[in-house]
Amino acid sequence: MQPHEYEFLRHKMVERLEKEGIRDQRLLEAMRTIRRHIFVDEAVRGQAYEDHAVPIGLQQTISQPFVVARMTELLELRPDHRVMEVGTGSGYQTAILAFLAGEVYSIERISSLMEIAERLLANLGFSNVRFRLGDGTCGWPEHAPYDGVLLTAAAPRVPEPLLKQLRVGGRLVLPLGDEEHQRLKRLIKGEGREHRMEDHGGCVFVKLVGKYGFQDRGHD
């Protein structure tokens, strides 16, 4: 497929997102600009702009465009915000965050995925992203507090370290539930334990593996 064909598909994807209710203009511009197809294997690049998840190997996926857009929109990011991403994966979501926020801290437990994502974002010219290999459920306390925290895998409960590392008034967006039934949630942190939890519909994600997530049984 030629570059202009990918560009056409990318613009059609953004038009579809607008029809589906995505309103954040900076976010739509990010998704219109960032070449989603370079984050997946060449064999499946023709599917990159379709509205479904695409496998990236090691039983991981790149989320469907609408889910990426919806989760990002719920963060309500500004250019001066600091955001933490748990689950770098392909790096596409990371790139969207880097386009919108001032600082991005992304954690991935699978070294080969992190290395590929780090190289892709460097090639795209993003200099506001730092990567860490390790258990994302423990967060990255050295750079806290964060204005937003995004989990790209499903957690059985809100990981307590991530909540602690979120500033008061900050937003934590995550899929919450068991391995089969999950809901997209947004937690807005309040003083003490007076947090607001919102439900934004059903979703399907791979499991969040780690100390405060699901038990590690290999790359599952």
N, C-alpha and C. Protein backbone atom coordinates (compact mmCIF):
# COMPACT_ATOMS: atom_id res chain seq x y z
N MET A 1 0.84 -1.19 0.00
CA MET A 1 0.00 0.00 0.00
C MET A 1 0.88 1.25 0.00
N GLN A 2 0.51 2.25 -0.78
CA GLN A 2 1.30 3.45 -0.92
C GLN A 2 1.01 4.45 0.21
N PRO A 3 1.95 5.38 0.49
CA PRO A 3 1.75 6.36 1.57
C PRO A 3 0.45 7.15 1.45
N HIS A 4 0.09 7.54 0.22
CA HIS A 4 -1.14 8.33 0.07
C HIS A 4 -2.38 7.51 0.39
N GLU A 5 -2.29 6.18 0.18
CA GLU A 5 -3.42 5.31 0.52
C GLU A 5 -3.60 5.23 2.03
N TYR A 6 -2.49 5.12 2.75
CA TYR A 6 -2.56 5.11 4.22
C TYR A 6 -3.11 6.44 4.73
N GLU A 7 -2.69 7.53 4.10
CA GLU A 7 -3.17 8.85 4.53
C GLU A 7 -4.68 8.97 4.34
N PHE A 8 -5.17 8.46 3.21
CA PHE A 8 -6.61 8.46 2.96
C PHE A 8 -7.34 7.67 4.04
N LEU A 9 -6.83 6.48 4.36
CA LEU A 9 -7.47 5.64 5.38
C LEU A 9 -7.42 6.31 6.76
N ARG A 10 -6.34 7.02 7.03
CA ARG A 10 -6.20 7.70 8.32
C ARG A 10 -7.25 8.81 8.44
N HIS A 11 -7.45 9.57 7.37
CA HIS A 11 -8.46 10.63 7.41
C HIS A 11 -9.87 10.05 7.52
N LYS A 12 -10.10 8.93 6.87
CA LYS A 12 -11.42 8.27 7.00
C LYS A 12 -11.63 7.78 8.42
N MET A 13 -10.58 7.29 9.06
CA MET A 13 -10.66 6.84 10.45
C MET A 13 -11.07 8.00 11.35
N VAL A 14 -10.46 9.17 11.16
CA VAL A 14 -10.76 10.34 11.99
C VAL A 14 -12.20 10.81 11.74
N GLU A 15 -12.64 10.78 10.50
CA GLU A 15 -14.04 11.13 10.20
C GLU A 15 -14.99 10.20 10.95
N ARG A 16 -14.65 8.93 10.98
CA ARG A 16 -15.49 7.95 11.69
C ARG A 16 -15.51 8.24 13.19
N LEU A 17 -14.35 8.59 13.73
CA LEU A 17 -14.27 8.91 15.17
C LEU A 17 -15.13 10.12 15.52
N GLU A 18 -15.13 11.11 14.64
CA GLU A 18 -15.97 12.29 14.87
C GLU A 18 -17.45 11.90 14.87
N LYS A 19 -17.84 11.06 13.95
CA LYS A 19 -19.24 10.61 13.88
C LYS A 19 -19.61 9.79 15.12
N GLU A 20 -18.61 9.11 15.70
CA GLU A 20 -18.86 8.28 16.89
C GLU A 20 -18.81 9.09 18.18
N GLY A 21 -18.59 10.40 18.06
CA GLY A 21 -18.71 11.25 19.24
C GLY A 21 -17.42 11.79 19.84
N ILE A 22 -16.28 11.54 19.21
CA ILE A 22 -15.03 12.10 19.72
C ILE A 22 -15.00 13.59 19.35
N ARG A 23 -14.80 14.44 20.36
CA ARG A 23 -14.92 15.89 20.15
C ARG A 23 -13.60 16.66 20.34
N ASP A 24 -12.66 16.11 21.05
CA ASP A 24 -11.41 16.81 21.34
C ASP A 24 -10.63 17.05 20.05
N GLN A 25 -10.53 18.31 19.63
CA GLN A 25 -9.92 18.63 18.34
C GLN A 25 -8.42 18.36 18.32
N ARG A 26 -7.74 18.59 19.43
CA ARG A 26 -6.31 18.28 19.49
C ARG A 26 -6.08 16.77 19.37
N LEU A 27 -6.93 16.00 19.99
CA LEU A 27 -6.84 14.55 19.89
C LEU A 27 -7.09 14.08 18.46
N LEU A 28 -8.10 14.62 17.82
CA LEU A 28 -8.39 14.24 16.43
C LEU A 28 -7.22 14.61 15.52
N GLU A 29 -6.59 15.75 15.78
CA GLU A 29 -5.42 16.14 15.00
C GLU A 29 -4.26 15.18 15.22
N ALA A 30 -4.09 14.73 16.46
CA ALA A 30 -3.05 13.75 16.75
C ALA A 30 -3.28 12.46 15.96
N MET A 31 -4.51 12.01 15.92
CA MET A 31 -4.82 10.76 15.23
C MET A 31 -4.81 10.92 13.72
N ARG A 32 -4.99 12.16 13.27
CA ARG A 32 -4.88 12.45 11.84
C ARG A 32 -3.41 12.53 11.41
N THR A 33 -2.55 12.86 12.36
CA THR A 33 -1.13 13.09 12.06
C THR A 33 -0.27 11.84 12.22
N ILE A 34 -0.50 11.09 13.29
CA ILE A 34 0.38 9.96 13.62
C ILE A 34 0.03 8.75 12.76
N ARG A 35 1.03 8.18 12.14
CA ARG A 35 0.83 7.07 11.20
C ARG A 35 0.66 5.76 11.97
N ARG A 36 -0.57 5.39 12.21
CA ARG A 36 -0.88 4.20 13.00
C ARG A 36 -0.30 2.92 12.39
N HIS A 37 -0.25 2.86 11.07
CA HIS A 37 0.16 1.62 10.40
C HIS A 37 1.61 1.24 10.68
N ILE A 38 2.46 2.20 11.04
CA ILE A 38 3.87 1.86 11.29
C ILE A 38 4.05 1.14 12.62
N PHE A 39 3.00 1.11 13.44
CA PHE A 39 3.08 0.45 14.75
C PHE A 39 2.65 -1.01 14.71
N VAL A 40 2.29 -1.52 13.55
CA VAL A 40 1.91 -2.94 13.43
C VAL A 40 2.78 -3.61 12.36
N ASP A 41 2.80 -4.93 12.38
CA ASP A 41 3.59 -5.68 11.42
C ASP A 41 3.11 -5.40 10.00
N GLU A 42 4.05 -5.47 9.06
CA GLU A 42 3.74 -5.16 7.67
C GLU A 42 2.62 -6.03 7.13
N ALA A 43 2.53 -7.26 7.60
CA ALA A 43 1.52 -8.20 7.09
C ALA A 43 0.09 -7.77 7.40
N VAL A 44 -0.09 -6.97 8.46
CA VAL A 44 -1.45 -6.57 8.85
C VAL A 44 -1.65 -5.05 8.76
N ARG A 45 -0.75 -4.36 8.07
CA ARG A 45 -0.86 -2.90 8.00
C ARG A 45 -2.12 -2.43 7.28
N GLY A 46 -2.64 -3.25 6.41
CA GLY A 46 -3.87 -2.89 5.72
C GLY A 46 -5.06 -2.79 6.66
N GLN A 47 -4.94 -3.40 7.85
CA GLN A 47 -6.02 -3.38 8.84
C GLN A 47 -5.86 -2.24 9.87
N ALA A 48 -4.76 -1.52 9.80
CA ALA A 48 -4.38 -0.60 10.87
C ALA A 48 -5.44 0.47 11.16
N TYR A 49 -6.19 0.89 10.14
CA TYR A 49 -7.14 1.99 10.32
C TYR A 49 -8.59 1.50 10.43
N GLU A 50 -8.77 0.19 10.46
CA GLU A 50 -10.10 -0.37 10.69
C GLU A 50 -10.41 -0.29 12.17
N ASP A 51 -11.70 -0.29 12.50
CA ASP A 51 -12.08 -0.09 13.90
C ASP A 51 -12.14 -1.40 14.67
N HIS A 52 -10.98 -2.03 14.77
CA HIS A 52 -10.85 -3.21 15.62
C HIS A 52 -9.40 -3.32 16.07
N ALA A 53 -9.19 -4.11 17.12
CA ALA A 53 -7.84 -4.31 17.63
C ALA A 53 -7.03 -5.12 16.62
N VAL A 54 -5.71 -4.90 16.60
CA VAL A 54 -4.81 -5.62 15.69
C VAL A 54 -3.70 -6.25 16.52
N PRO A 55 -3.40 -7.54 16.29
CA PRO A 55 -2.34 -8.19 17.07
C PRO A 55 -0.97 -7.61 16.76
N ILE A 56 -0.12 -7.52 17.81
CA ILE A 56 1.25 -7.03 17.63
C ILE A 56 2.27 -8.07 18.08
N GLY A 57 1.81 -9.30 18.34
CA GLY A 57 2.71 -10.36 18.79
C GLY A 57 2.71 -10.49 20.30
N LEU A 58 3.25 -11.63 20.77
CA LEU A 58 3.35 -11.91 22.21
C LEU A 58 1.99 -11.81 22.90
N GLN A 59 0.94 -12.17 22.16
CA GLN A 59 -0.44 -12.16 22.64
C GLN A 59 -0.88 -10.78 23.12
N GLN A 60 -0.32 -9.73 22.53
CA GLN A 60 -0.70 -8.36 22.83
C GLN A 60 -1.35 -7.75 21.59
N THR A 61 -2.05 -6.64 21.78
CA THR A 61 -2.75 -6.01 20.66
C THR A 61 -2.57 -4.49 20.69
N ILE A 62 -2.81 -3.87 19.55
CA ILE A 62 -2.97 -2.42 19.48
C ILE A 62 -4.47 -2.18 19.49
N SER A 63 -4.95 -1.39 20.45
CA SER A 63 -6.39 -1.22 20.63
C SER A 63 -7.04 -0.55 19.43
N GLN A 64 -8.35 -0.81 19.27
CA GLN A 64 -9.07 -0.20 18.14
C GLN A 64 -9.04 1.31 18.27
N PRO A 65 -9.07 2.02 17.16
CA PRO A 65 -8.94 3.48 17.18
C PRO A 65 -9.94 4.17 18.10
N PHE A 66 -11.20 3.72 18.11
CA PHE A 66 -12.18 4.39 18.95
C PHE A 66 -11.82 4.26 20.43
N VAL A 67 -11.33 3.11 20.83
CA VAL A 67 -10.96 2.90 22.24
C VAL A 67 -9.78 3.79 22.61
N VAL A 68 -8.78 3.86 21.73
CA VAL A 68 -7.64 4.75 21.96
C VAL A 68 -8.14 6.19 22.13
N ALA A 69 -9.01 6.61 21.23
CA ALA A 69 -9.52 7.98 21.27
C ALA A 69 -10.35 8.24 22.51
N ARG A 70 -11.22 7.32 22.85
CA ARG A 70 -12.11 7.52 24.00
C ARG A 70 -11.32 7.59 25.30
N MET A 71 -10.38 6.66 25.48
CA MET A 71 -9.59 6.65 26.70
C MET A 71 -8.74 7.91 26.82
N THR A 72 -8.18 8.33 25.71
CA THR A 72 -7.36 9.54 25.72
C THR A 72 -8.21 10.76 26.01
N GLU A 73 -9.37 10.84 25.41
CA GLU A 73 -10.25 11.99 25.63
C GLU A 73 -10.65 12.10 27.10
N LEU A 74 -10.85 10.97 27.75
CA LEU A 74 -11.23 10.97 29.16
C LEU A 74 -10.13 11.52 30.07
N LEU A 75 -8.89 11.51 29.61
CA LEU A 75 -7.79 12.08 30.39
C LEU A 75 -7.81 13.61 30.41
N GLU A 76 -8.44 14.20 29.39
CA GLU A 76 -8.53 15.67 29.27
C GLU A 76 -7.14 16.31 29.37
N LEU A 77 -6.25 15.89 28.52
CA LEU A 77 -4.85 16.33 28.59
C LEU A 77 -4.65 17.74 28.06
N ARG A 78 -3.69 18.44 28.69
CA ARG A 78 -3.25 19.75 28.25
C ARG A 78 -1.74 19.69 27.96
N PRO A 79 -1.22 20.66 27.21
CA PRO A 79 0.20 20.63 26.85
C PRO A 79 1.16 20.68 28.04
N ASP A 80 0.70 21.15 29.19
CA ASP A 80 1.57 21.22 30.36
C ASP A 80 1.41 20.01 31.29
N HIS A 81 0.64 19.01 30.89
CA HIS A 81 0.38 17.87 31.76
C HIS A 81 1.49 16.82 31.72
N ARG A 82 1.60 16.13 32.83
CA ARG A 82 2.50 14.98 32.97
C ARG A 82 1.62 13.74 33.09
N VAL A 83 1.84 12.76 32.22
CA VAL A 83 0.98 11.58 32.19
C VAL A 83 1.81 10.31 32.26
N MET A 84 1.27 9.32 32.96
CA MET A 84 1.92 8.00 33.03
C MET A 84 1.05 6.98 32.30
N GLU A 85 1.71 6.20 31.46
CA GLU A 85 1.04 5.13 30.71
C GLU A 85 1.54 3.79 31.23
N VAL A 86 0.62 2.92 31.58
CA VAL A 86 0.98 1.58 32.02
C VAL A 86 0.64 0.60 30.90
N GLY A 87 1.67 0.08 30.25
CA GLY A 87 1.50 -0.81 29.11
C GLY A 87 1.80 -0.10 27.80
N THR A 88 3.08 0.03 27.47
CA THR A 88 3.48 0.72 26.25
C THR A 88 2.96 0.00 25.01
N GLY A 89 3.06 -1.32 25.01
CA GLY A 89 2.59 -2.11 23.87
C GLY A 89 3.27 -1.70 22.58
N SER A 90 2.47 -1.40 21.56
CA SER A 90 3.02 -1.04 20.25
C SER A 90 3.68 0.34 20.26
N GLY A 91 3.27 1.20 21.21
CA GLY A 91 3.76 2.56 21.24
C GLY A 91 2.83 3.57 20.57
N TYR A 92 1.76 3.10 19.95
CA TYR A 92 0.84 4.03 19.27
C TYR A 92 0.14 4.94 20.27
N GLN A 93 -0.42 4.34 21.32
CA GLN A 93 -1.06 5.15 22.34
C GLN A 93 -0.06 6.12 22.97
N THR A 94 1.16 5.66 23.16
CA THR A 94 2.22 6.51 23.71
C THR A 94 2.43 7.74 22.84
N ALA A 95 2.46 7.52 21.53
CA ALA A 95 2.66 8.63 20.59
C ALA A 95 1.52 9.63 20.66
N ILE A 96 0.29 9.14 20.79
CA ILE A 96 -0.87 10.03 20.92
C ILE A 96 -0.72 10.88 22.19
N LEU A 97 -0.34 10.24 23.29
CA LEU A 97 -0.15 10.97 24.55
C LEU A 97 0.96 12.02 24.40
N ALA A 98 2.05 11.63 23.72
CA ALA A 98 3.19 12.54 23.55
C ALA A 98 2.82 13.75 22.70
N PHE A 99 1.91 13.57 21.76
CA PHE A 99 1.43 14.67 20.93
C PHE A 99 0.64 15.68 21.77
N LEU A 100 -0.04 15.20 22.81
CA LEU A 100 -0.98 16.02 23.56
C LEU A 100 -0.44 16.58 24.87
N ALA A 101 0.46 15.85 25.51
CA ALA A 101 0.92 16.20 26.86
C ALA A 101 2.35 16.73 26.84
N GLY A 102 2.75 17.31 27.96
CA GLY A 102 4.11 17.84 28.07
C GLY A 102 5.14 16.77 28.34
N GLU A 103 4.79 15.83 29.23
CA GLU A 103 5.71 14.75 29.60
C GLU A 103 4.94 13.44 29.66
N VAL A 104 5.54 12.38 29.11
CA VAL A 104 4.93 11.06 29.12
C VAL A 104 5.92 10.07 29.72
N TYR A 105 5.45 9.28 30.68
CA TYR A 105 6.26 8.24 31.30
C TYR A 105 5.54 6.91 31.05
N SER A 106 6.16 6.05 30.24
CA SER A 106 5.50 4.83 29.79
C SER A 106 6.25 3.60 30.31
N ILE A 107 5.49 2.67 30.87
CA ILE A 107 6.07 1.47 31.48
C ILE A 107 5.58 0.23 30.72
N GLU A 108 6.51 -0.67 30.42
CA GLU A 108 6.20 -1.90 29.70
C GLU A 108 6.97 -3.06 30.33
N ARG A 109 6.34 -4.22 30.45
CA ARG A 109 6.99 -5.37 31.09
C ARG A 109 7.69 -6.29 30.09
N ILE A 110 7.42 -6.11 28.79
CA ILE A 110 8.01 -6.98 27.77
C ILE A 110 9.09 -6.17 27.03
N SER A 111 10.33 -6.56 27.20
CA SER A 111 11.45 -5.75 26.72
C SER A 111 11.43 -5.53 25.22
N SER A 112 11.09 -6.57 24.44
CA SER A 112 11.11 -6.44 22.98
C SER A 112 10.09 -5.41 22.50
N LEU A 113 8.92 -5.35 23.14
CA LEU A 113 7.91 -4.35 22.77
C LEU A 113 8.40 -2.95 23.11
N MET A 114 8.98 -2.80 24.29
CA MET A 114 9.46 -1.48 24.69
C MET A 114 10.54 -0.96 23.76
N GLU A 115 11.45 -1.85 23.36
CA GLU A 115 12.55 -1.44 22.48
C GLU A 115 12.03 -0.96 21.13
N ILE A 116 11.06 -1.69 20.58
CA ILE A 116 10.48 -1.30 19.29
C ILE A 116 9.76 0.04 19.42
N ALA A 117 8.96 0.19 20.47
CA ALA A 117 8.22 1.44 20.67
C ALA A 117 9.16 2.62 20.87
N GLU A 118 10.21 2.41 21.64
CA GLU A 118 11.17 3.48 21.90
C GLU A 118 11.82 3.95 20.60
N ARG A 119 12.16 3.01 19.74
CA ARG A 119 12.78 3.34 18.46
C ARG A 119 11.80 4.08 17.55
N LEU A 120 10.55 3.62 17.51
CA LEU A 120 9.54 4.25 16.66
C LEU A 120 9.29 5.70 17.08
N LEU A 121 9.15 5.93 18.39
CA LEU A 121 8.87 7.29 18.85
C LEU A 121 10.05 8.22 18.63
N ALA A 122 11.25 7.68 18.76
CA ALA A 122 12.44 8.49 18.47
C ALA A 122 12.46 8.87 17.00
N ASN A 123 12.13 7.92 16.13
CA ASN A 123 12.10 8.20 14.69
C ASN A 123 11.03 9.22 14.33
N LEU A 124 9.95 9.27 15.13
CA LEU A 124 8.88 10.25 14.88
C LEU A 124 9.22 11.62 15.45
N GLY A 125 10.33 11.70 16.19
CA GLY A 125 10.78 12.99 16.70
C GLY A 125 10.27 13.37 18.06
N PHE A 126 9.65 12.44 18.79
CA PHE A 126 9.15 12.76 20.12
C PHE A 126 10.31 12.72 21.12
N SER A 127 10.49 13.81 21.83
CA SER A 127 11.57 13.90 22.82
C SER A 127 11.03 14.06 24.24
N ASN A 128 9.72 13.97 24.40
CA ASN A 128 9.08 14.18 25.71
C ASN A 128 8.57 12.88 26.33
N VAL A 129 9.14 11.75 25.91
CA VAL A 129 8.71 10.44 26.42
C VAL A 129 9.89 9.73 27.06
N ARG A 130 9.64 9.15 28.24
CA ARG A 130 10.62 8.30 28.88
C ARG A 130 10.01 6.92 29.08
N PHE A 131 10.83 5.90 28.88
CA PHE A 131 10.35 4.52 28.98
C PHE A 131 11.00 3.82 30.16
N ARG A 132 10.25 2.88 30.71
CA ARG A 132 10.78 2.08 31.80
C ARG A 132 10.33 0.64 31.63
N LEU A 133 11.24 -0.30 31.81
CA LEU A 133 10.92 -1.72 31.76
C LEU A 133 10.64 -2.20 33.17
N GLY A 134 9.47 -2.78 33.38
CA GLY A 134 9.16 -3.27 34.72
C GLY A 134 7.68 -3.47 34.94
N ASP A 135 7.30 -3.59 36.21
CA ASP A 135 5.93 -3.83 36.63
C ASP A 135 5.17 -2.51 36.67
N GLY A 136 4.33 -2.29 35.68
CA GLY A 136 3.60 -1.03 35.59
C GLY A 136 2.60 -0.83 36.71
N THR A 137 2.16 -1.90 37.36
CA THR A 137 1.18 -1.75 38.44
C THR A 137 1.78 -1.04 39.65
N CYS A 138 3.11 -0.96 39.70
CA CYS A 138 3.78 -0.24 40.79
C CYS A 138 4.02 1.22 40.43
N GLY A 139 3.78 1.57 39.18
CA GLY A 139 3.94 2.94 38.74
C GLY A 139 5.38 3.38 38.60
N TRP A 140 5.57 4.70 38.63
CA TRP A 140 6.89 5.31 38.47
C TRP A 140 6.95 6.48 39.44
N PRO A 141 7.13 6.20 40.73
CA PRO A 141 6.96 7.23 41.76
C PRO A 141 7.93 8.40 41.67
N GLU A 142 9.08 8.20 41.06
CA GLU A 142 10.08 9.27 40.99
C GLU A 142 9.57 10.52 40.28
N HIS A 143 8.59 10.35 39.40
CA HIS A 143 8.09 11.49 38.61
C HIS A 143 6.67 11.91 39.00
N ALA A 144 6.16 11.33 40.06
CA ALA A 144 4.83 11.70 40.54
C ALA A 144 4.88 13.10 41.17
N PRO A 145 3.75 13.80 41.26
CA PRO A 145 2.40 13.34 40.90
C PRO A 145 2.11 13.55 39.41
N TYR A 146 1.21 12.73 38.89
CA TYR A 146 0.81 12.79 37.49
C TYR A 146 -0.56 13.45 37.36
N ASP A 147 -0.74 14.17 36.27
CA ASP A 147 -2.05 14.75 35.96
C ASP A 147 -3.00 13.70 35.41
N GLY A 148 -2.45 12.68 34.77
CA GLY A 148 -3.25 11.60 34.23
C GLY A 148 -2.50 10.29 34.26
N VAL A 149 -3.22 9.21 34.47
CA VAL A 149 -2.66 7.86 34.41
C VAL A 149 -3.57 7.03 33.52
N LEU A 150 -2.97 6.32 32.57
CA LEU A 150 -3.72 5.51 31.61
C LEU A 150 -3.22 4.07 31.66
N LEU A 151 -4.14 3.13 31.85
CA LEU A 151 -3.81 1.71 31.80
C LEU A 151 -4.34 1.14 30.49
N THR A 152 -3.46 0.47 29.76
CA THR A 152 -3.87 -0.10 28.47
C THR A 152 -4.11 -1.61 28.56
N ALA A 153 -4.32 -2.10 29.78
CA ALA A 153 -4.66 -3.49 30.02
C ALA A 153 -5.63 -3.54 31.19
N ALA A 154 -6.40 -4.62 31.28
CA ALA A 154 -7.48 -4.70 32.26
C ALA A 154 -6.98 -5.11 33.63
N ALA A 155 -7.41 -4.37 34.65
CA ALA A 155 -7.01 -4.65 36.03
C ALA A 155 -8.20 -5.20 36.82
N PRO A 156 -7.93 -6.11 37.77
CA PRO A 156 -9.01 -6.63 38.60
C PRO A 156 -9.50 -5.60 39.62
N ARG A 157 -8.65 -4.61 39.91
CA ARG A 157 -8.97 -3.53 40.85
C ARG A 157 -8.04 -2.37 40.53
N VAL A 158 -8.34 -1.20 41.06
CA VAL A 158 -7.46 -0.05 40.84
C VAL A 158 -6.17 -0.27 41.61
N PRO A 159 -5.03 -0.33 40.92
CA PRO A 159 -3.75 -0.52 41.62
C PRO A 159 -3.47 0.66 42.55
N GLU A 160 -3.32 0.38 43.83
CA GLU A 160 -3.16 1.43 44.83
C GLU A 160 -1.96 2.35 44.57
N PRO A 161 -0.79 1.82 44.12
CA PRO A 161 0.33 2.72 43.86
C PRO A 161 0.03 3.76 42.79
N LEU A 162 -0.75 3.40 41.79
CA LEU A 162 -1.07 4.34 40.71
C LEU A 162 -1.97 5.45 41.22
N LEU A 163 -2.90 5.08 42.09
CA LEU A 163 -3.77 6.09 42.68
C LEU A 163 -2.97 7.06 43.55
N LYS A 164 -2.02 6.53 44.29
CA LYS A 164 -1.19 7.38 45.15
C LYS A 164 -0.34 8.35 44.33
N GLN A 165 0.06 7.94 43.14
CA GLN A 165 0.93 8.76 42.31
C GLN A 165 0.17 9.77 41.45
N LEU A 166 -1.15 9.76 41.54
CA LEU A 166 -2.00 10.69 40.80
C LEU A 166 -2.26 11.93 41.66
N ARG A 167 -2.17 13.09 41.06
CA ARG A 167 -2.44 14.31 41.84
C ARG A 167 -3.93 14.42 42.13
N VAL A 168 -4.27 15.17 43.17
CA VAL A 168 -5.67 15.45 43.47
C VAL A 168 -6.26 16.22 42.30
N GLY A 169 -7.38 15.74 41.80
CA GLY A 169 -8.01 16.32 40.62
C GLY A 169 -7.59 15.64 39.33
N GLY A 170 -6.58 14.78 39.42
CA GLY A 170 -6.10 14.05 38.24
C GLY A 170 -7.04 12.92 37.85
N ARG A 171 -6.82 12.38 36.65
CA ARG A 171 -7.73 11.36 36.10
C ARG A 171 -6.97 10.07 35.83
N LEU A 172 -7.55 8.97 36.30
CA LEU A 172 -7.01 7.64 36.05
C LEU A 172 -8.03 6.90 35.19
N VAL A 173 -7.61 6.48 34.01
CA VAL A 173 -8.51 5.79 33.07
C VAL A 173 -8.02 4.38 32.89
N LEU A 174 -8.94 3.40 33.06
CA LEU A 174 -8.52 1.99 32.99
C LEU A 174 -9.70 1.09 32.70
N PRO A 175 -9.42 -0.08 32.08
CA PRO A 175 -10.42 -1.14 31.99
C PRO A 175 -10.40 -1.89 33.32
N LEU A 176 -11.55 -2.12 33.90
CA LEU A 176 -11.64 -2.74 35.22
C LEU A 176 -12.57 -3.94 35.14
N GLY A 177 -12.11 -5.08 35.70
CA GLY A 177 -12.95 -6.27 35.69
C GLY A 177 -12.13 -7.54 35.69
N ASP A 178 -12.78 -8.65 35.35
CA ASP A 178 -12.07 -9.93 35.29
C ASP A 178 -11.58 -10.18 33.87
N GLU A 179 -11.16 -11.41 33.59
CA GLU A 179 -10.57 -11.70 32.28
C GLU A 179 -11.60 -11.67 31.16
N GLU A 180 -12.88 -11.79 31.48
CA GLU A 180 -13.91 -11.87 30.44
C GLU A 180 -14.84 -10.65 30.40
N HIS A 181 -15.10 -10.03 31.56
CA HIS A 181 -16.06 -8.93 31.62
C HIS A 181 -15.38 -7.71 32.23
N GLN A 182 -15.29 -6.66 31.42
CA GLN A 182 -14.59 -5.45 31.84
C GLN A 182 -15.42 -4.21 31.51
N ARG A 183 -15.21 -3.17 32.31
CA ARG A 183 -15.85 -1.88 32.07
C ARG A 183 -14.78 -0.81 32.01
N LEU A 184 -14.94 0.14 31.11
CA LEU A 184 -14.02 1.25 31.02
C LEU A 184 -14.39 2.26 32.11
N LYS A 185 -13.44 2.56 33.00
CA LYS A 185 -13.69 3.42 34.14
C LYS A 185 -12.79 4.65 34.11
N ARG A 186 -13.32 5.74 34.66
CA ARG A 186 -12.49 6.92 34.91
C ARG A 186 -12.64 7.29 36.38
N LEU A 187 -11.50 7.34 37.06
CA LEU A 187 -11.47 7.76 38.45
C LEU A 187 -10.89 9.17 38.51
N ILE A 188 -11.60 10.09 39.13
CA ILE A 188 -11.11 11.44 39.36
C ILE A 188 -10.75 11.54 40.83
N LYS A 189 -9.50 11.79 41.11
CA LYS A 189 -9.01 11.72 42.49
C LYS A 189 -9.45 12.92 43.30
N GLY A 190 -9.99 12.63 44.50
CA GLY A 190 -10.38 13.67 45.42
C GLY A 190 -9.48 13.69 46.64
N GLU A 191 -9.78 14.56 47.56
CA GLU A 191 -9.04 14.61 48.82
C GLU A 191 -9.35 13.37 49.64
N GLY A 192 -8.35 12.89 50.39
CA GLY A 192 -8.57 11.69 51.19
C GLY A 192 -8.92 10.52 50.29
N ARG A 193 -10.05 9.89 50.55
CA ARG A 193 -10.52 8.80 49.68
C ARG A 193 -11.83 9.16 49.00
N GLU A 194 -12.06 10.45 48.88
CA GLU A 194 -13.30 10.92 48.23
C GLU A 194 -13.08 11.02 46.73
N HIS A 195 -12.96 9.88 46.07
CA HIS A 195 -12.74 9.85 44.63
C HIS A 195 -14.07 9.65 43.89
N ARG A 196 -14.12 10.13 42.65
CA ARG A 196 -15.31 9.91 41.83
C ARG A 196 -15.01 8.87 40.77
N MET A 197 -15.81 7.82 40.70
CA MET A 197 -15.63 6.76 39.72
C MET A 197 -16.76 6.82 38.71
N GLU A 198 -16.40 6.88 37.42
CA GLU A 198 -17.38 6.93 36.34
C GLU A 198 -17.29 5.66 35.49
N ASP A 199 -18.42 5.25 34.96
CA ASP A 199 -18.47 4.08 34.08
C ASP A 199 -18.69 4.56 32.64
N HIS A 200 -17.83 4.10 31.73
CA HIS A 200 -17.94 4.53 30.34
C HIS A 200 -18.14 3.36 29.38
N GLY A 201 -18.78 2.31 29.86
CA GLY A 201 -19.20 1.23 28.97
C GLY A 201 -18.30 0.00 29.00
N GLY A 202 -18.77 -1.04 28.34
CA GLY A 202 -18.02 -2.30 28.28
C GLY A 202 -16.83 -2.22 27.36
N CYS A 203 -15.85 -3.08 27.62
CA CYS A 203 -14.63 -3.11 26.80
C CYS A 203 -13.96 -4.47 26.95
N VAL A 204 -12.99 -4.72 26.08
CA VAL A 204 -12.23 -5.98 26.13
C VAL A 204 -10.75 -5.67 25.95
N PHE A 205 -9.95 -6.01 26.95
CA PHE A 205 -8.51 -5.77 26.92
C PHE A 205 -7.76 -7.02 27.36
N VAL A 206 -6.47 -7.06 27.02
CA VAL A 206 -5.62 -8.10 27.59
C VAL A 206 -5.45 -7.80 29.07
N LYS A 207 -4.98 -8.77 29.83
CA LYS A 207 -4.85 -8.63 31.27
C LYS A 207 -3.66 -7.75 31.66
N LEU A 208 -3.85 -6.99 32.73
CA LEU A 208 -2.76 -6.24 33.35
C LEU A 208 -2.04 -7.18 34.31
N VAL A 209 -0.80 -7.52 33.98
CA VAL A 209 -0.04 -8.47 34.78
C VAL A 209 0.93 -7.71 35.68
N GLY A 210 0.96 -8.08 36.96
CA GLY A 210 1.88 -7.45 37.88
C GLY A 210 1.46 -7.65 39.32
N LYS A 211 2.21 -7.07 40.22
CA LYS A 211 1.97 -7.23 41.65
C LYS A 211 0.57 -6.80 42.05
N TYR A 212 0.06 -5.73 41.44
CA TYR A 212 -1.27 -5.22 41.77
C TYR A 212 -2.26 -5.48 40.64
N GLY A 213 -1.94 -6.45 39.79
CA GLY A 213 -2.82 -6.84 38.71
C GLY A 213 -3.10 -8.33 38.74
N PHE A 214 -3.10 -8.97 37.59
CA PHE A 214 -3.27 -10.41 37.51
C PHE A 214 -1.91 -11.10 37.70
N GLN A 215 -1.96 -12.35 38.14
CA GLN A 215 -0.73 -13.11 38.37
C GLN A 215 0.02 -13.35 37.06
N ASP A 216 1.33 -13.24 37.11
CA ASP A 216 2.17 -13.45 35.92
C ASP A 216 2.27 -14.93 35.62
N ARG A 217 1.79 -15.30 34.40
CA ARG A 217 1.95 -16.67 33.92
C ARG A 217 2.61 -16.65 32.55
N GLY A 218 3.66 -15.86 32.44
CA GLY A 218 4.31 -15.67 31.15
C GLY A 218 3.64 -14.53 30.41
N HIS A 219 3.87 -14.40 29.12
CA HIS A 219 3.31 -13.32 28.33
C HIS A 219 1.88 -13.66 27.91
N ASP A 220 0.98 -13.72 28.89
CA ASP A 220 -0.42 -14.05 28.59
C ASP A 220 -1.31 -12.85 28.86
